[in-house]
């Protein structure tokens, strides 16, 4: 079956379902192939539908003129409300104006190919987004559950200086981006740039865990704390991934959480190194 015929069948079924009930009564003038459909001058019909044939309109059509894979000819005496032509031409030598408008869409092979490619790209992006969302939920839930006893220090830091941690993380992220760009300009620096990216992503991921838990405890119901650890982290991960998938707002939340998480990771690491240095005896 040709792609044009497939599209025509789908359009026919869809548009017929959208027709008003009175358009499917005796006042519907329809023609499927063969000779052109003619509405002579003086005749009044509710709707006109033609498939794989032309339509000559000289009378009055109250509702819609729909032609698929054919041409529409509007005579000087024609009176129409809406004219839709899919896959053909609209000939209107007398420049007759329709009340709602005249719309034409050419179903050429190039258009169909571009349509299918566009739909495939949209479907692919949607599937990729779904896969990354599921992976994000699983990863955050697993890491949060495994590291749940090591996040208290990060939550304490967030309770004392949330904005400062955000500023530290944002500044560090900008510095890291600058280093990665500079190192990527040389062949020797590319492996180091990749290493910096991996370390940064790992730090952001680990630092985001206390951010998610802290915000969840502050914004959600206290009953969430009574849930089992695995269930609690699944709910937090699900809500976080759902929010970052929102347009515009999701990007803002993601940048804020990632920057704050990086600030938490860097500050926690600096405190750990400082305490370890104080505990090391001087020789």
Foldseek 3Di string as FASTA:
>chain_A
DDPLVVVVVVVVVVVVVVDDPVCPPPLEAEEEDDEEAEDADPDEGAEYEYECEEYEAQYEHNAEYEYELYEYEYDPNYAAAEYEYEQYYYHYPVPDAHNNGYYYHRPDPVVVVVVVVVVVVVVVVVVVLVVVLVVQLVVQLVVCLVCVVVLPVLLVVCVVPQPVLLVQLVVVVVVLVVQLVVLVVDPVSNVVNVVSVVVLVVQLSQLLNSVLVNVCCVPDDVCLVVDPSSVSSSVSSNVLSVQLPDPPRNVVSVSSSSSSSNSSSVVVVVVVVVVVVVVDDDD
